[in-house]
């Protein structure tokens, strides 16, 4: 749609406040920053984040620092 099409629609909806409110609700731009992205406390990575037990680190850093944190590997 071009800009003139939007002005034409808004002129038509000017006399209908209920329909205008619904149109504005569904046609306003969405907020880009809706999701809160968790980052690793050590490296700053966002993928593979482990927040269980309050760790707040990514899986790669967990593999490197697991023994220092008090975790043991069972075979």
N, C-alpha and C. Protein backbone atom coordinates (compact mmCIF):
# COMPACT_ATOMS: atom_id res chain seq x y z
N UNK A 1 0.84 -1.18 0.00
CA UNK A 1 0.00 0.00 0.00
C UNK A 1 0.88 1.25 0.00
N UNK A 2 0.42 2.24 -0.67
CA UNK A 2 1.14 3.50 -0.68
C UNK A 2 0.62 4.41 0.43
N UNK A 3 1.30 5.52 0.63
CA UNK A 3 0.91 6.46 1.68
C UNK A 3 -0.48 7.03 1.41
N UNK A 4 -0.80 7.25 0.14
CA UNK A 4 -2.11 7.80 -0.18
C UNK A 4 -3.23 6.82 0.16
N UNK A 5 -2.95 5.52 0.06
CA UNK A 5 -3.96 4.53 0.43
C UNK A 5 -4.27 4.58 1.92
N UNK A 6 -3.23 4.78 2.74
CA UNK A 6 -3.44 4.87 4.18
C UNK A 6 -4.25 6.10 4.55
N UNK A 7 -3.97 7.23 3.89
CA UNK A 7 -4.75 8.44 4.18
C UNK A 7 -6.20 8.27 3.76
N UNK A 8 -6.42 7.55 2.67
CA UNK A 8 -7.79 7.30 2.22
C UNK A 8 -8.55 6.44 3.25
N UNK A 9 -7.87 5.44 3.78
CA UNK A 9 -8.50 4.57 4.78
C UNK A 9 -8.81 5.36 6.04
N UNK A 10 -7.85 6.20 6.48
CA UNK A 10 -8.07 6.97 7.70
C UNK A 10 -9.20 7.98 7.53
N UNK A 11 -9.36 8.55 6.33
CA UNK A 11 -10.48 9.45 6.09
C UNK A 11 -11.80 8.71 6.21
N UNK A 12 -11.86 7.49 5.69
CA UNK A 12 -13.09 6.70 5.76
C UNK A 12 -13.41 6.29 7.19
N UNK A 13 -12.38 6.04 8.00
CA UNK A 13 -12.60 5.58 9.36
C UNK A 13 -12.79 6.73 10.36
N UNK A 14 -12.64 7.96 9.90
CA UNK A 14 -12.73 9.11 10.81
C UNK A 14 -14.08 9.16 11.52
N UNK A 15 -15.16 8.81 10.83
CA UNK A 15 -16.50 8.88 11.40
C UNK A 15 -16.88 7.62 12.17
N UNK A 16 -16.01 6.61 12.17
CA UNK A 16 -16.30 5.34 12.85
C UNK A 16 -15.21 5.07 13.89
N UNK A 17 -15.36 5.59 15.12
CA UNK A 17 -14.28 5.48 16.11
C UNK A 17 -13.99 4.04 16.54
N UNK A 18 -14.99 3.18 16.58
CA UNK A 18 -14.76 1.79 16.97
C UNK A 18 -13.94 1.04 15.95
N UNK A 19 -14.30 1.21 14.69
CA UNK A 19 -13.55 0.55 13.62
C UNK A 19 -12.15 1.14 13.47
N UNK A 20 -12.02 2.46 13.71
CA UNK A 20 -10.70 3.10 13.63
C UNK A 20 -9.78 2.58 14.72
N UNK A 21 -10.31 2.40 15.93
CA UNK A 21 -9.50 1.88 17.03
C UNK A 21 -9.03 0.46 16.74
N UNK A 22 -9.90 -0.36 16.18
CA UNK A 22 -9.53 -1.72 15.83
C UNK A 22 -8.48 -1.73 14.72
N UNK A 23 -8.65 -0.85 13.72
CA UNK A 23 -7.69 -0.78 12.62
C UNK A 23 -6.32 -0.36 13.13
N UNK A 24 -6.28 0.65 14.02
CA UNK A 24 -5.01 1.12 14.57
C UNK A 24 -4.36 0.05 15.45
N UNK A 25 -5.17 -0.73 16.17
CA UNK A 25 -4.64 -1.79 17.03
C UNK A 25 -3.90 -2.84 16.22
N UNK A 26 -4.45 -3.20 15.07
CA UNK A 26 -3.85 -4.27 14.26
C UNK A 26 -2.84 -3.77 13.23
N UNK A 27 -2.74 -2.46 13.03
CA UNK A 27 -1.86 -1.95 11.99
C UNK A 27 -0.75 -1.03 12.51
N UNK A 28 -0.59 -0.93 13.81
CA UNK A 28 0.53 -0.14 14.33
C UNK A 28 1.80 -1.00 14.27
N UNK A 29 2.96 -0.37 14.15
CA UNK A 29 4.21 -1.14 14.12
C UNK A 29 4.45 -1.88 15.43
N UNK A 30 4.99 -3.06 15.32
CA UNK A 30 5.26 -3.88 16.50
C UNK A 30 6.56 -3.43 17.16
N UNK A 31 6.65 -3.63 18.47
CA UNK A 31 7.86 -3.32 19.21
C UNK A 31 8.90 -4.38 18.88
N UNK A 32 10.07 -3.95 18.44
CA UNK A 32 11.11 -4.88 17.99
C UNK A 32 11.74 -5.62 19.16
N UNK A 33 11.87 -4.96 20.30
CA UNK A 33 12.58 -5.53 21.44
C UNK A 33 11.59 -6.15 22.43
N UNK A 34 10.87 -7.16 22.01
CA UNK A 34 9.89 -7.79 22.88
C UNK A 34 10.49 -8.86 23.75
N UNK A 35 11.51 -9.55 23.24
CA UNK A 35 12.08 -10.67 23.98
C UNK A 35 13.30 -10.23 24.76
N UNK A 36 13.42 -10.75 25.96
CA UNK A 36 14.60 -10.48 26.76
C UNK A 36 15.62 -11.57 26.46
N UNK A 37 16.77 -11.19 25.92
CA UNK A 37 17.79 -12.15 25.53
C UNK A 37 18.77 -12.30 26.68
N UNK A 38 18.95 -13.54 27.14
CA UNK A 38 19.90 -13.80 28.21
C UNK A 38 21.28 -14.01 27.63
N UNK A 39 22.27 -13.44 28.30
CA UNK A 39 23.65 -13.57 27.84
C UNK A 39 24.47 -14.32 28.87
N UNK A 40 25.53 -14.97 28.38
CA UNK A 40 26.46 -15.67 29.24
C UNK A 40 27.23 -14.64 30.07
N UNK A 41 27.41 -14.93 31.35
CA UNK A 41 28.12 -14.01 32.23
C UNK A 41 29.62 -13.97 31.92
N UNK A 42 30.15 -15.04 31.31
CA UNK A 42 31.58 -15.10 31.04
C UNK A 42 31.90 -14.61 29.63
N UNK A 43 31.27 -15.21 28.63
CA UNK A 43 31.64 -14.90 27.24
C UNK A 43 30.67 -13.95 26.53
N UNK A 44 29.46 -13.79 27.03
CA UNK A 44 28.49 -12.91 26.39
C UNK A 44 27.67 -13.56 25.30
N UNK A 45 27.81 -14.88 25.11
CA UNK A 45 27.02 -15.58 24.09
C UNK A 45 25.56 -15.62 24.50
N UNK A 46 24.68 -15.69 23.50
CA UNK A 46 23.25 -15.73 23.78
C UNK A 46 22.65 -17.12 23.59
N UNK A 47 23.30 -17.98 22.83
CA UNK A 47 22.76 -19.31 22.57
C UNK A 47 23.24 -20.32 23.59
N UNK A 48 22.42 -21.32 23.88
CA UNK A 48 22.80 -22.40 24.78
C UNK A 48 22.94 -21.94 26.21
N UNK A 49 22.09 -21.02 26.64
CA UNK A 49 22.19 -20.42 27.97
C UNK A 49 21.64 -21.37 29.03
N UNK A 50 22.39 -21.58 30.11
CA UNK A 50 21.95 -22.43 31.22
C UNK A 50 21.67 -21.52 32.41
N UNK A 51 20.40 -21.40 32.78
CA UNK A 51 20.05 -20.54 33.91
C UNK A 51 19.67 -21.36 35.14
N UNK A 52 19.63 -22.68 34.99
CA UNK A 52 19.28 -23.53 36.11
C UNK A 52 20.33 -23.41 37.21
N UNK A 53 19.91 -23.47 38.45
CA UNK A 53 20.76 -23.32 39.64
C UNK A 53 21.40 -21.94 39.70
N UNK A 54 20.86 -20.97 38.96
CA UNK A 54 21.40 -19.62 38.99
C UNK A 54 22.76 -19.47 38.33
N UNK A 55 23.09 -20.38 37.38
CA UNK A 55 24.40 -20.34 36.75
C UNK A 55 24.57 -19.13 35.84
N UNK A 56 23.68 -18.95 34.87
CA UNK A 56 23.73 -17.82 33.97
C UNK A 56 24.90 -17.85 33.01
N UNK A 57 25.30 -19.04 32.57
CA UNK A 57 26.40 -19.16 31.61
C UNK A 57 25.96 -20.04 30.45
N UNK A 58 26.73 -19.99 29.36
CA UNK A 58 26.39 -20.80 28.19
C UNK A 58 26.95 -22.21 28.38
N UNK A 59 26.54 -23.12 27.53
CA UNK A 59 26.92 -24.52 27.68
C UNK A 59 28.41 -24.74 27.46
N UNK A 60 29.02 -23.96 26.57
CA UNK A 60 30.44 -24.13 26.30
C UNK A 60 31.27 -23.75 27.53
N UNK A 61 30.90 -22.64 28.17
CA UNK A 61 31.62 -22.22 29.37
C UNK A 61 31.34 -23.18 30.52
N UNK A 62 30.14 -23.76 30.56
CA UNK A 62 29.82 -24.73 31.61
C UNK A 62 30.72 -25.95 31.50
N UNK A 63 30.96 -26.42 30.27
CA UNK A 63 31.83 -27.59 30.08
C UNK A 63 33.24 -27.29 30.57
N UNK A 64 33.72 -26.06 30.36
CA UNK A 64 35.06 -25.71 30.77
C UNK A 64 35.18 -25.52 32.29
N UNK A 65 34.16 -24.96 32.92
CA UNK A 65 34.24 -24.56 34.32
C UNK A 65 33.39 -25.41 35.26
N UNK A 66 32.90 -26.56 34.81
CA UNK A 66 31.98 -27.36 35.62
C UNK A 66 32.62 -27.85 36.90
N UNK A 67 33.84 -28.33 36.85
CA UNK A 67 34.49 -28.84 38.06
C UNK A 67 34.76 -27.73 39.06
N UNK A 68 35.12 -26.54 38.58
CA UNK A 68 35.34 -25.40 39.47
C UNK A 68 34.05 -24.99 40.17
N UNK A 69 32.91 -25.19 39.50
CA UNK A 69 31.62 -24.83 40.07
C UNK A 69 31.08 -25.90 41.02
N UNK A 70 31.73 -27.06 41.06
CA UNK A 70 31.32 -28.12 41.98
C UNK A 70 30.50 -29.22 41.37
N UNK A 71 30.47 -29.31 40.05
CA UNK A 71 29.76 -30.38 39.37
C UNK A 71 30.74 -31.50 39.03
N UNK A 72 30.24 -32.74 39.09
CA UNK A 72 31.05 -33.90 38.74
C UNK A 72 30.45 -34.60 37.54
N UNK A 73 31.29 -35.22 36.73
CA UNK A 73 30.84 -35.95 35.55
C UNK A 73 30.71 -37.41 35.91
N UNK A 74 29.54 -37.98 35.68
CA UNK A 74 29.29 -39.40 35.92
C UNK A 74 29.33 -40.15 34.60
N UNK A 75 30.07 -41.24 34.55
CA UNK A 75 30.15 -42.06 33.33
C UNK A 75 29.25 -43.27 33.42
